[in-house]
Protein backbone atom coordinates (compact mmCIF):
# COMPACT_ATOMS: atom_id res chain seq x y z
CA MET A 1 27.60 -2.30 -14.79
CA LYS A 2 31.35 -2.43 -15.19
CA LYS A 3 32.44 0.77 -16.96
CA ILE A 4 35.40 2.13 -18.95
CA TYR A 5 35.57 5.78 -19.31
CA LEU A 6 35.38 7.34 -22.77
CA THR A 7 37.44 10.33 -21.40
CA MET A 8 40.21 7.88 -20.71
CA ILE A 9 40.07 6.47 -24.14
CA LEU A 10 40.20 9.97 -25.65
CA LEU A 11 43.04 10.99 -23.33
CA LEU A 12 45.01 7.81 -24.13
CA PHE A 13 44.65 8.08 -27.95
CA GLY A 14 45.21 11.80 -27.95
CA VAL A 15 48.64 11.45 -26.29
CA ILE A 16 49.48 8.48 -28.44
CA THR A 17 49.01 10.55 -31.50
CA ILE A 18 51.21 13.44 -30.14
CA SER A 19 53.95 11.04 -29.25
CA GLY A 20 53.89 9.46 -32.62
CA CYS A 21 52.83 5.99 -31.62
CA VAL A 22 50.21 5.55 -34.32
CA ASN A 23 49.90 2.43 -36.47
CA GLY A 24 47.23 1.05 -38.76
CA ASP A 25 46.69 -0.54 -42.12
CA GLY A 26 44.40 2.26 -43.47
CA GLU A 27 41.68 -0.30 -44.47
CA SER A 28 39.21 -0.47 -41.58
CA GLU A 29 36.27 1.91 -41.41
CA PRO A 30 33.61 2.46 -38.80
CA ASP A 31 30.20 0.96 -39.70
CA GLY A 32 28.08 3.92 -38.96
CA ILE A 33 29.65 6.83 -40.88
CA GLU A 34 30.99 7.43 -44.41
CA ASN A 35 34.66 8.52 -44.51
CA PRO A 36 34.61 12.25 -45.52
CA ASN A 37 37.17 13.26 -48.07
CA ASP A 38 39.09 10.03 -47.82
CA TYR A 39 40.45 10.63 -44.34
CA GLU A 40 43.40 8.33 -43.65
CA VAL A 41 42.46 5.65 -41.01
CA THR A 42 45.52 5.14 -38.84
CA ASN A 43 44.27 3.02 -35.90
CA GLN A 44 41.19 1.00 -34.97
CA PHE A 45 40.58 -1.15 -31.86
CA ASN A 46 37.71 -2.39 -29.71
CA VAL A 47 36.96 -2.39 -26.07
CA GLU A 48 34.20 -4.90 -25.56
CA GLU A 49 31.25 -3.58 -27.74
CA VAL A 50 32.90 -0.04 -28.25
CA THR A 51 34.84 0.59 -31.47
CA ILE A 52 37.38 3.42 -31.65
CA THR A 53 38.65 4.57 -35.11
CA GLN A 54 41.40 7.21 -35.47
CA TYR A 55 42.02 9.38 -38.48
CA VAL A 56 44.82 11.74 -39.42
CA VAL A 57 43.88 14.62 -41.79
CA ASP A 58 46.16 16.96 -43.45
CA THR A 59 44.80 20.27 -42.16
CA GLU A 60 45.23 22.41 -39.07
CA ASP A 61 41.44 23.21 -38.93
CA SER A 62 40.18 20.71 -36.46
CA SER A 63 36.90 22.47 -36.28
CA ASP A 64 36.27 21.94 -40.00
CA VAL A 65 37.20 18.21 -39.60
CA LEU A 66 34.67 17.85 -36.72
CA SER A 67 31.97 19.58 -38.87
CA GLU A 68 32.60 17.26 -41.70
CA LEU A 69 32.44 14.24 -39.49
CA ARG A 70 29.20 15.48 -38.04
CA GLN A 71 27.69 16.12 -41.50
CA SER A 72 28.67 12.67 -42.56
CA ALA A 73 27.06 11.24 -39.61
CA GLU A 74 23.88 13.28 -39.96
CA ASP A 75 23.74 12.26 -43.67
CA GLU A 76 23.68 8.70 -42.33
CA GLY A 77 20.73 9.38 -40.15
CA TRP A 78 22.42 10.08 -36.85
CA ASN A 79 20.91 12.66 -34.55
CA VAL A 80 22.90 14.89 -32.17
CA ARG A 81 22.45 13.80 -28.55
CA ALA A 82 24.98 16.07 -26.85
CA GLU A 83 27.66 18.72 -27.67
CA TRP A 84 30.39 19.01 -25.25
CA GLU A 85 31.84 22.37 -24.26
CA GLY A 86 35.47 23.12 -23.24
CA ASP A 87 38.08 20.33 -23.13
CA ILE A 88 39.26 17.22 -21.42
CA ALA A 89 42.77 17.33 -20.10
CA GLY A 90 43.59 20.04 -22.67
CA TYR A 91 42.00 18.30 -25.64
CA ASP A 92 38.89 19.83 -27.38
CA VAL A 93 35.97 17.34 -27.29
CA GLY A 94 33.11 17.26 -29.55
CA ILE A 95 29.83 15.55 -30.33
CA VAL A 96 27.69 12.63 -29.47
CA LEU A 97 25.03 11.34 -31.77
CA GLU A 98 22.61 8.47 -31.65
CA LYS A 99 20.69 6.19 -34.08
CA ASP A 100 19.05 2.73 -33.71
CA ASN A 101 20.06 2.23 -30.11
CA GLU A 102 23.74 3.12 -30.83
CA PHE A 103 25.93 6.16 -30.08
CA LEU A 104 28.54 7.82 -32.23
CA ALA A 105 31.07 10.10 -30.46
CA LEU A 106 33.24 12.42 -32.50
CA ASN A 107 36.33 14.28 -31.53
CA ALA A 108 39.11 16.18 -33.36
CA VAL A 109 42.17 18.11 -32.30
CA GLU A 110 44.98 19.90 -34.17
CA SER A 111 48.52 18.49 -33.56
CA ASP A 112 51.80 19.35 -35.31
CA GLY A 113 50.15 20.90 -38.43
CA GLN A 114 47.53 18.16 -38.98
CA THR A 115 44.28 17.09 -37.29
CA ASP A 116 43.76 13.85 -35.36
CA ALA A 117 40.25 12.80 -35.20
CA TRP A 118 38.28 9.90 -33.60
CA VAL A 119 34.98 8.15 -34.18
CA ILE A 120 33.78 6.08 -31.30
CA GLN A 121 30.73 3.93 -31.76
CA GLY A 122 28.78 1.45 -29.51
CA PRO A 123 25.52 0.57 -27.90
CA ILE A 124 23.56 3.60 -26.61
CA ASP A 125 23.19 2.18 -23.16
CA VAL A 126 26.98 2.51 -22.47
CA ILE A 127 26.89 6.29 -22.11
CA GLY A 128 25.21 8.53 -19.59
CA THR A 129 21.91 10.25 -20.19
CA ASP A 130 23.67 13.39 -21.30
CA GLY A 131 26.01 11.59 -23.55
CA SER A 132 29.09 12.59 -21.54
CA GLY A 133 29.75 9.65 -19.20
CA THR A 134 31.24 6.22 -19.65
CA ALA A 135 31.37 3.18 -21.77
CA ASP A 136 29.57 0.33 -20.01
CA THR A 137 30.96 -3.15 -20.74
CA GLY A 138 28.66 -5.19 -18.53
CA GLY A 139 29.18 -6.55 -15.07
CA ASP A 140 28.40 -5.03 -11.65
CA ASP A 141 26.19 -1.93 -11.44
CA GLU A 142 28.45 1.02 -10.65
CA THR A 143 25.61 3.31 -9.76
CA ASP A 144 24.51 1.28 -6.65
CA SER A 145 26.33 2.92 -3.71
CA GLY A 146 26.96 1.26 -0.37
CA GLU A 147 28.32 -1.96 -1.74
CA SER A 148 31.13 -3.50 0.21
CA ALA A 149 34.42 -2.58 -1.38
CA PRO A 150 36.73 -5.49 -2.36
CA THR A 151 39.78 -6.05 -0.33
CA THR A 152 41.72 -8.19 -2.86
CA ASP A 153 42.86 -7.68 -6.40
CA VAL A 154 41.11 -8.80 -9.49
CA GLY A 155 43.29 -10.70 -12.01
CA GLY A 156 45.82 -8.77 -14.04
CA GLU A 157 49.16 -7.04 -13.30
CA ASP A 158 50.51 -3.78 -12.19
CA ILE A 159 52.75 -1.51 -14.39
CA PRO A 160 56.27 -1.67 -12.96
CA ASP A 161 57.20 1.95 -13.77
CA VAL A 162 53.69 3.28 -12.86
CA PRO A 163 53.64 2.24 -9.22
CA ARG A 164 50.39 1.19 -7.58
CA TYR A 165 49.23 3.68 -5.02
CA PRO A 166 50.07 2.36 -1.57
CA ASP A 167 47.38 0.04 0.02
CA SER A 168 45.10 0.44 -2.99
CA VAL A 169 43.03 -2.41 -4.48
CA ARG A 170 42.92 -3.35 -8.23
CA THR A 171 39.29 -3.59 -9.23
CA GLU A 172 39.40 -3.68 -13.05
CA TYR A 173 41.97 -4.80 -15.55
CA THR A 174 41.52 -4.48 -19.38
CA SER A 175 44.11 -5.25 -22.13
CA VAL A 176 43.49 -3.24 -25.22
CA ASP A 177 44.50 -5.51 -28.21
CA GLU A 178 47.86 -6.01 -26.77
CA LYS A 179 48.76 -2.42 -27.39
CA GLY A 180 48.07 -1.09 -23.97
CA LYS A 181 46.19 -1.57 -20.65
CA ILE A 182 43.39 0.21 -18.62
CA ILE A 183 43.60 -0.53 -14.92
CA LYS A 184 41.42 0.81 -12.10
CA TYR A 185 42.21 0.89 -8.34
CA ILE A 186 40.36 2.16 -5.24
CA THR A 187 41.71 3.73 -2.28
CA ASP A 188 40.49 5.49 1.04
CA ASP A 189 42.92 8.40 0.63
CA SER A 190 42.09 11.79 -0.74
CA PRO A 191 42.40 12.69 -4.47
CA GLU A 192 45.02 15.28 -3.53
CA ASP A 193 47.18 12.57 -1.87
CA VAL A 194 46.89 10.27 -4.84
CA MET A 195 47.66 13.18 -7.36
CA ASN A 196 50.77 14.12 -5.35
CA PHE A 197 51.96 10.51 -5.20
CA TYR A 198 51.74 10.13 -9.04
CA LEU A 199 53.31 13.54 -9.80
CA ASP A 200 56.32 12.51 -7.65
CA THR A 201 56.63 8.79 -8.72
CA LEU A 202 56.12 9.30 -12.41
CA GLU A 203 59.00 11.79 -12.42
CA SER A 204 61.20 9.48 -10.42
CA GLU A 205 60.35 6.56 -12.80
CA GLY A 206 61.67 8.45 -15.78
CA TRP A 207 58.41 9.77 -17.27
CA THR A 208 58.84 13.13 -18.91
CA ASN A 209 56.67 16.00 -20.22
CA ILE A 210 54.26 15.32 -17.33
CA ARG A 211 51.12 17.50 -17.40
CA SER A 212 48.25 17.56 -14.87
CA GLY A 213 45.03 19.50 -14.22
CA ASP A 214 41.42 18.83 -13.31
CA GLU A 215 37.95 18.85 -15.02
CA SER A 216 34.39 18.54 -13.74
CA ASP A 217 32.49 15.68 -14.90
CA SER A 218 28.77 15.65 -15.86
CA SER A 219 27.71 15.47 -12.28
CA GLY A 220 29.96 18.24 -11.06
CA GLU A 221 32.50 16.02 -9.46
CA LEU A 222 36.16 17.17 -9.82
CA ILE A 223 38.26 14.59 -11.90
CA ARG A 224 42.03 15.08 -11.75
CA TYR A 225 44.31 13.86 -14.51
CA ILE A 226 48.01 13.27 -15.06
CA GLN A 227 49.80 12.49 -18.37
CA GLY A 228 53.42 11.34 -18.82
CA PHE A 229 55.59 10.20 -21.73
CA LYS A 230 58.52 7.91 -22.43
CA GLU A 231 59.19 8.94 -26.04
CA ASP A 232 62.23 6.85 -26.46
CA GLU A 233 60.07 3.81 -25.78
CA ASN A 234 56.91 5.07 -27.56
CA ARG A 235 54.94 4.79 -24.24
CA VAL A 236 52.30 7.09 -22.91
CA VAL A 237 50.48 6.99 -19.42
CA SER A 238 47.15 8.74 -18.58
CA ILE A 239 45.81 8.72 -15.06
CA GLU A 240 42.29 9.86 -13.86
CA ILE A 241 41.55 10.32 -10.16
CA GLY A 242 38.12 10.81 -8.88
CA PRO A 243 35.15 9.72 -6.53
CA THR A 244 33.33 6.52 -7.11
CA ASN A 245 29.47 5.91 -6.73
CA LYS A 246 29.96 2.28 -6.18
CA TYR A 247 31.79 2.21 -2.87
CA ASP A 248 31.10 4.72 -0.19
CA ASP A 249 34.02 7.09 0.63
CA LYS A 250 36.41 5.49 -2.00
CA ILE A 251 38.51 7.14 -4.58
CA GLU A 252 38.98 5.47 -8.03
CA ILE A 253 42.33 5.63 -9.88
CA HIS A 254 42.12 4.96 -13.67
CA ILE A 255 45.43 4.21 -15.44
CA GLY A 256 45.59 4.00 -19.17
CA LEU A 257 48.88 2.77 -20.63
CA ASN A 258 49.97 2.54 -24.38
CA GLU A 259 52.98 0.48 -24.72
CA GLU A 260 53.02 0.02 -28.54
CA GLY A 261 56.58 -0.61 -29.65
CA GLY A 262 56.46 1.00 -33.07
CA SER A 263 55.84 4.44 -34.51
């Protein structure tokens, strides 16, 4: 099963909001939940069968927003599947609910005196058994280890100012409604080497406000992350680095880029 990480989507849209790159007509709503207190819808897009809706709420109390979203979901018959603790790359994460073979993920974070919130909805089989994993968009089964790793790139293109890690292979390429890209590479090198490469190259390529760190995923594996901004161009990049279960002794590099030109 080809997978797109929900953590990457949250990272990407969290930093998009902070950099002011949010657009939307305010008319679209997720199907599975009533809009509490007329929250302003600022963005909505789809990645295969997964729909991501973003709200901006005029309050600094993100926990209250998350509670209201949860209550609205439970009023519609959604049942809590998992509650995350801690954060992902510095962003508080929230709740996964399920109903009728679908999942609903809720997230809210305070930013610049307001709260940015997300509702992510899709088929239940796209997330891990604990609700904290990945968005499955069909294709090869990523849980089958020992498969021969590809040696040639899939279709798509690299990002000129986010250089490809040397000798890596591009294994996935997704364009997100022409507003950004999600690209995956694999390499034989260590996560530390990949991390140091991007910390150096992002700065040399003009990215600013670079932040980095690490988090453990649901299986206990350490996932490293890096984020960078080009605020004058309204561009944000998020990178996740971690092991893969599909190919023995390989490291995956997930790159999410928002290149929306407006604000």
